[in-house]
Amino acid sequence: METKVFIMMIIFSVPILGILSNTYLKVQKLKLQGGSNQDDLNKLKALAQENNDLKKRIENLEGIVTSMDKEILGLYALNPDPNENQKKVEELAKTIKKLKG
């Protein structure tokens, strides 16, 4: 009777050991891949920092452009005729041509 029980235990233990060993191997592979995940996390942190830096630069540039728009609008308030500026440029170009020629 003991022999039959022993044989039954062997028969049922082989598939169980196969499943357990396969699971163990998968866990070990995941542990090995864990190092590359750390590299990915470091890259992700670096890219997030770069993204924040670029956002700050864009905000700075927006501030500069906005302040320039106010200055340009101020110039037009002093001289509402945009054709007058064109005339000045043309006169300056003529003067330069005369000096060269």
N, C-alpha and C. Protein backbone atom coordinates (compact mmCIF):
# COMPACT_ATOMS: atom_id res chain seq x y z
N MET A 1 0.82 -1.19 0.00
CA MET A 1 0.00 0.00 0.00
C MET A 1 0.86 1.25 0.00
N GLU A 2 1.95 1.21 0.73
CA GLU A 2 2.84 2.37 0.79
C GLU A 2 3.48 2.63 -0.56
N THR A 3 3.73 1.64 -1.30
CA THR A 3 4.34 1.79 -2.62
C THR A 3 3.40 2.51 -3.56
N LYS A 4 2.12 2.19 -3.50
CA LYS A 4 1.14 2.85 -4.36
C LYS A 4 1.04 4.34 -4.02
N VAL A 5 1.05 4.66 -2.75
CA VAL A 5 0.98 6.06 -2.32
C VAL A 5 2.24 6.80 -2.77
N PHE A 6 3.38 6.14 -2.63
CA PHE A 6 4.64 6.75 -3.05
C PHE A 6 4.65 7.02 -4.55
N ILE A 7 4.18 6.06 -5.34
CA ILE A 7 4.13 6.21 -6.79
C ILE A 7 3.17 7.35 -7.16
N MET A 8 2.02 7.43 -6.49
CA MET A 8 1.06 8.49 -6.75
C MET A 8 1.65 9.86 -6.42
N MET A 9 2.41 9.94 -5.34
CA MET A 9 3.04 11.21 -4.95
C MET A 9 4.06 11.63 -6.01
N ILE A 10 4.81 10.69 -6.53
CA ILE A 10 5.80 10.99 -7.57
C ILE A 10 5.09 11.47 -8.83
N ILE A 11 4.02 10.78 -9.21
CA ILE A 11 3.30 11.12 -10.43
C ILE A 11 2.75 12.55 -10.33
N PHE A 12 2.17 12.90 -9.21
CA PHE A 12 1.58 14.24 -9.07
C PHE A 12 2.62 15.32 -8.74
N SER A 13 3.74 14.93 -8.21
CA SER A 13 4.74 15.94 -7.85
C SER A 13 5.54 16.42 -9.06
N VAL A 14 5.67 15.60 -10.10
CA VAL A 14 6.44 15.99 -11.28
C VAL A 14 5.83 17.23 -11.95
N PRO A 15 4.53 17.26 -12.25
CA PRO A 15 3.98 18.47 -12.86
C PRO A 15 4.03 19.68 -11.92
N ILE A 16 3.83 19.43 -10.65
CA ILE A 16 3.87 20.54 -9.67
C ILE A 16 5.28 21.12 -9.62
N LEU A 17 6.29 20.27 -9.60
CA LEU A 17 7.66 20.75 -9.60
C LEU A 17 7.99 21.49 -10.90
N GLY A 18 7.44 21.02 -12.00
CA GLY A 18 7.64 21.72 -13.28
C GLY A 18 7.05 23.12 -13.25
N ILE A 19 5.84 23.25 -12.72
CA ILE A 19 5.19 24.56 -12.63
C ILE A 19 5.97 25.48 -11.70
N LEU A 20 6.39 24.95 -10.54
CA LEU A 20 7.14 25.76 -9.58
C LEU A 20 8.49 26.20 -10.13
N SER A 21 9.17 25.30 -10.84
CA SER A 21 10.48 25.68 -11.38
C SER A 21 10.32 26.71 -12.50
N ASN A 22 9.29 26.59 -13.32
CA ASN A 22 9.03 27.57 -14.37
C ASN A 22 8.75 28.94 -13.74
N THR A 23 7.95 28.96 -12.69
CA THR A 23 7.64 30.22 -12.00
C THR A 23 8.91 30.82 -11.40
N TYR A 24 9.75 29.98 -10.81
CA TYR A 24 11.01 30.46 -10.24
C TYR A 24 11.89 31.09 -11.32
N LEU A 25 11.98 30.45 -12.48
CA LEU A 25 12.79 31.00 -13.57
C LEU A 25 12.24 32.34 -14.05
N LYS A 26 10.93 32.45 -14.15
CA LYS A 26 10.33 33.72 -14.57
C LYS A 26 10.64 34.83 -13.57
N VAL A 27 10.57 34.53 -12.29
CA VAL A 27 10.87 35.53 -11.26
C VAL A 27 12.33 35.96 -11.36
N GLN A 28 13.22 35.02 -11.58
CA GLN A 28 14.64 35.36 -11.70
C GLN A 28 14.90 36.23 -12.93
N LYS A 29 14.22 35.94 -14.05
CA LYS A 29 14.37 36.76 -15.25
C LYS A 29 13.88 38.17 -15.00
N LEU A 30 12.77 38.30 -14.29
CA LEU A 30 12.23 39.63 -13.98
C LEU A 30 13.19 40.41 -13.08
N LYS A 31 13.84 39.72 -12.16
CA LYS A 31 14.82 40.39 -11.30
C LYS A 31 15.99 40.91 -12.12
N LEU A 32 16.44 40.12 -13.10
CA LEU A 32 17.54 40.55 -13.95
C LEU A 32 17.15 41.76 -14.80
N GLN A 33 15.92 41.79 -15.26
CA GLN A 33 15.45 42.91 -16.06
C GLN A 33 15.19 44.14 -15.20
N GLY A 34 15.14 43.99 -13.92
CA GLY A 34 14.89 45.11 -13.02
C GLY A 34 15.97 46.17 -13.10
N GLY A 35 17.20 45.80 -13.40
CA GLY A 35 18.28 46.77 -13.53
C GLY A 35 18.04 47.71 -14.69
N SER A 36 17.56 47.20 -15.80
CA SER A 36 17.29 48.06 -16.94
C SER A 36 16.12 48.99 -16.66
N ASN A 37 15.20 48.55 -15.83
CA ASN A 37 14.09 49.43 -15.45
C ASN A 37 14.61 50.63 -14.67
N GLN A 38 15.63 50.44 -13.87
CA GLN A 38 16.21 51.56 -13.12
C GLN A 38 16.83 52.56 -14.09
N ASP A 39 17.47 52.08 -15.14
CA ASP A 39 18.01 52.97 -16.16
C ASP A 39 16.90 53.76 -16.83
N ASP A 40 15.80 53.08 -17.11
CA ASP A 40 14.66 53.75 -17.72
C ASP A 40 14.10 54.82 -16.79
N LEU A 41 14.05 54.52 -15.50
CA LEU A 41 13.56 55.52 -14.53
C LEU A 41 14.49 56.73 -14.48
N ASN A 42 15.79 56.48 -14.55
CA ASN A 42 16.74 57.60 -14.55
C ASN A 42 16.58 58.46 -15.79
N LYS A 43 16.38 57.80 -16.94
CA LYS A 43 16.15 58.55 -18.18
C LYS A 43 14.86 59.35 -18.10
N LEU A 44 13.84 58.74 -17.52
CA LEU A 44 12.55 59.42 -17.39
C LEU A 44 12.68 60.65 -16.49
N LYS A 45 13.42 60.53 -15.40
CA LYS A 45 13.63 61.67 -14.51
C LYS A 45 14.40 62.78 -15.22
N ALA A 46 15.41 62.40 -15.99
CA ALA A 46 16.20 63.40 -16.72
C ALA A 46 15.34 64.11 -17.75
N LEU A 47 14.50 63.37 -18.45
CA LEU A 47 13.63 63.98 -19.45
C LEU A 47 12.58 64.88 -18.81
N ALA A 48 12.09 64.49 -17.64
CA ALA A 48 11.13 65.34 -16.93
C ALA A 48 11.79 66.64 -16.50
N GLN A 49 13.04 66.57 -16.04
CA GLN A 49 13.76 67.78 -15.65
C GLN A 49 14.00 68.68 -16.86
N GLU A 50 14.39 68.08 -17.98
CA GLU A 50 14.61 68.85 -19.20
C GLU A 50 13.31 69.50 -19.66
N ASN A 51 12.21 68.78 -19.53
CA ASN A 51 10.91 69.32 -19.91
C ASN A 51 10.57 70.53 -19.05
N ASN A 52 10.82 70.44 -17.75
CA ASN A 52 10.56 71.58 -16.85
C ASN A 52 11.45 72.77 -17.21
N ASP A 53 12.71 72.50 -17.53
CA ASP A 53 13.61 73.59 -17.92
C ASP A 53 13.13 74.28 -19.19
N LEU A 54 12.68 73.48 -20.15
CA LEU A 54 12.18 74.06 -21.40
C LEU A 54 10.91 74.86 -21.18
N LYS A 55 10.05 74.41 -20.27
CA LYS A 55 8.84 75.18 -19.95
C LYS A 55 9.21 76.54 -19.37
N LYS A 56 10.22 76.56 -18.49
CA LYS A 56 10.65 77.83 -17.90
C LYS A 56 11.21 78.76 -18.98
N ARG A 57 11.97 78.19 -19.91
CA ARG A 57 12.53 79.00 -21.00
C ARG A 57 11.43 79.59 -21.87
N ILE A 58 10.41 78.78 -22.15
CA ILE A 58 9.29 79.26 -22.96
C ILE A 58 8.55 80.38 -22.25
N GLU A 59 8.33 80.21 -20.94
CA GLU A 59 7.67 81.27 -20.17
C GLU A 59 8.50 82.55 -20.21
N ASN A 60 9.82 82.43 -20.12
CA ASN A 60 10.70 83.59 -20.19
C ASN A 60 10.59 84.27 -21.55
N LEU A 61 10.62 83.46 -22.61
CA LEU A 61 10.51 84.02 -23.97
C LEU A 61 9.15 84.67 -24.18
N GLU A 62 8.09 84.07 -23.63
CA GLU A 62 6.77 84.68 -23.74
C GLU A 62 6.74 86.04 -23.06
N GLY A 63 7.41 86.13 -21.92
CA GLY A 63 7.49 87.41 -21.23
C GLY A 63 8.22 88.45 -22.05
N ILE A 64 9.30 88.05 -22.69
CA ILE A 64 10.07 88.98 -23.52
C ILE A 64 9.24 89.44 -24.71
N VAL A 65 8.60 88.50 -25.38
CA VAL A 65 7.80 88.86 -26.56
C VAL A 65 6.63 89.76 -26.16
N THR A 66 6.01 89.45 -25.04
CA THR A 66 4.88 90.27 -24.59
C THR A 66 5.34 91.68 -24.27
N SER A 67 6.48 91.81 -23.62
CA SER A 67 6.97 93.15 -23.31
C SER A 67 7.36 93.89 -24.58
N MET A 68 7.87 93.17 -25.58
CA MET A 68 8.21 93.81 -26.85
C MET A 68 6.95 94.31 -27.54
N ASP A 69 5.88 93.53 -27.46
CA ASP A 69 4.63 93.96 -28.08
C ASP A 69 4.15 95.27 -27.47
N LYS A 70 4.30 95.44 -26.17
CA LYS A 70 3.88 96.68 -25.51
C LYS A 70 4.74 97.84 -25.99
N GLU A 71 6.04 97.59 -26.17
CA GLU A 71 6.92 98.65 -26.66
C GLU A 71 6.57 99.02 -28.10
N ILE A 72 6.29 98.02 -28.91
CA ILE A 72 5.92 98.29 -30.30
C ILE A 72 4.61 99.06 -30.35
N LEU A 73 3.66 98.64 -29.54
CA LEU A 73 2.38 99.37 -29.49
C LEU A 73 2.60 100.80 -29.02
N GLY A 74 3.54 101.00 -28.11
CA GLY A 74 3.86 102.35 -27.65
C GLY A 74 4.43 103.19 -28.78
N LEU A 75 5.24 102.62 -29.65
CA LEU A 75 5.78 103.35 -30.78
C LEU A 75 4.67 103.77 -31.74
N TYR A 76 3.73 102.87 -31.97
CA TYR A 76 2.63 103.23 -32.86
C TYR A 76 1.72 104.28 -32.23
N ALA A 77 1.67 104.31 -30.91
CA ALA A 77 0.86 105.34 -30.26
C ALA A 77 1.49 106.71 -30.47
N LEU A 78 2.83 106.75 -30.47
CA LEU A 78 3.50 108.02 -30.73
C LEU A 78 3.41 108.42 -32.19
N ASN A 79 3.45 107.44 -33.07
CA ASN A 79 3.42 107.70 -34.50
C ASN A 79 2.35 106.79 -35.13
N PRO A 80 1.10 107.24 -35.16
CA PRO A 80 0.03 106.36 -35.61
C PRO A 80 0.07 106.05 -37.11
N ASP A 81 0.84 106.79 -37.91
CA ASP A 81 0.88 106.58 -39.35
C ASP A 81 2.02 105.61 -39.69
N PRO A 82 1.72 104.33 -40.01
CA PRO A 82 2.78 103.37 -40.33
C PRO A 82 3.49 103.71 -41.64
N ASN A 83 2.86 104.46 -42.54
CA ASN A 83 3.50 104.84 -43.80
C ASN A 83 4.64 105.82 -43.57
N GLU A 84 4.55 106.57 -42.49
CA GLU A 84 5.62 107.53 -42.18
C GLU A 84 6.93 106.80 -41.90
N ASN A 85 6.86 105.68 -41.20
CA ASN A 85 8.07 104.89 -40.95
C ASN A 85 8.63 104.34 -42.25
N GLN A 86 7.76 103.91 -43.16
CA GLN A 86 8.20 103.42 -44.46
C GLN A 86 8.90 104.52 -45.24
N LYS A 87 8.37 105.74 -45.15
CA LYS A 87 8.98 106.89 -45.84
C LYS A 87 10.37 107.17 -45.27
N LYS A 88 10.49 107.08 -43.97
CA LYS A 88 11.80 107.31 -43.34
C LYS A 88 12.81 106.28 -43.79
N VAL A 89 12.38 105.03 -43.91
CA VAL A 89 13.28 103.96 -44.36
C VAL A 89 13.72 104.22 -45.80
N GLU A 90 12.79 104.62 -46.63
CA GLU A 90 13.12 104.90 -48.03
C GLU A 90 14.09 106.08 -48.14
N GLU A 91 13.88 107.12 -47.33
CA GLU A 91 14.78 108.27 -47.34
C GLU A 91 16.18 107.86 -46.89
N LEU A 92 16.24 107.02 -45.87
CA LEU A 92 17.53 106.54 -45.38
C LEU A 92 18.24 105.71 -46.45
N ALA A 93 17.50 104.89 -47.17
CA ALA A 93 18.09 104.09 -48.25
C ALA A 93 18.64 104.98 -49.35
N LYS A 94 17.92 106.05 -49.69
CA LYS A 94 18.40 106.98 -50.71
C LYS A 94 19.67 107.67 -50.26
N THR A 95 19.70 108.06 -49.00
CA THR A 95 20.90 108.72 -48.46
C THR A 95 22.11 107.79 -48.51
N ILE A 96 21.90 106.53 -48.18
CA ILE A 96 23.00 105.56 -48.21
C ILE A 96 23.50 105.36 -49.63
N LYS A 97 22.59 105.31 -50.58
CA LYS A 97 22.99 105.13 -51.98
C LYS A 97 23.80 106.32 -52.46
N LYS A 98 23.40 107.53 -52.03
CA LYS A 98 24.14 108.73 -52.43
C LYS A 98 25.56 108.70 -51.86
N LEU A 99 25.67 108.27 -50.59
CA LEU A 99 26.98 108.21 -49.96
C LEU A 99 27.89 107.18 -50.63
N LYS A 100 27.32 106.08 -51.08
CA LYS A 100 28.11 105.04 -51.76
C LYS A 100 28.49 105.47 -53.16
N GLY A 101 27.60 106.19 -53.83
CA GLY A 101 27.82 106.50 -55.23
C GLY A 101 28.60 107.73 -55.43
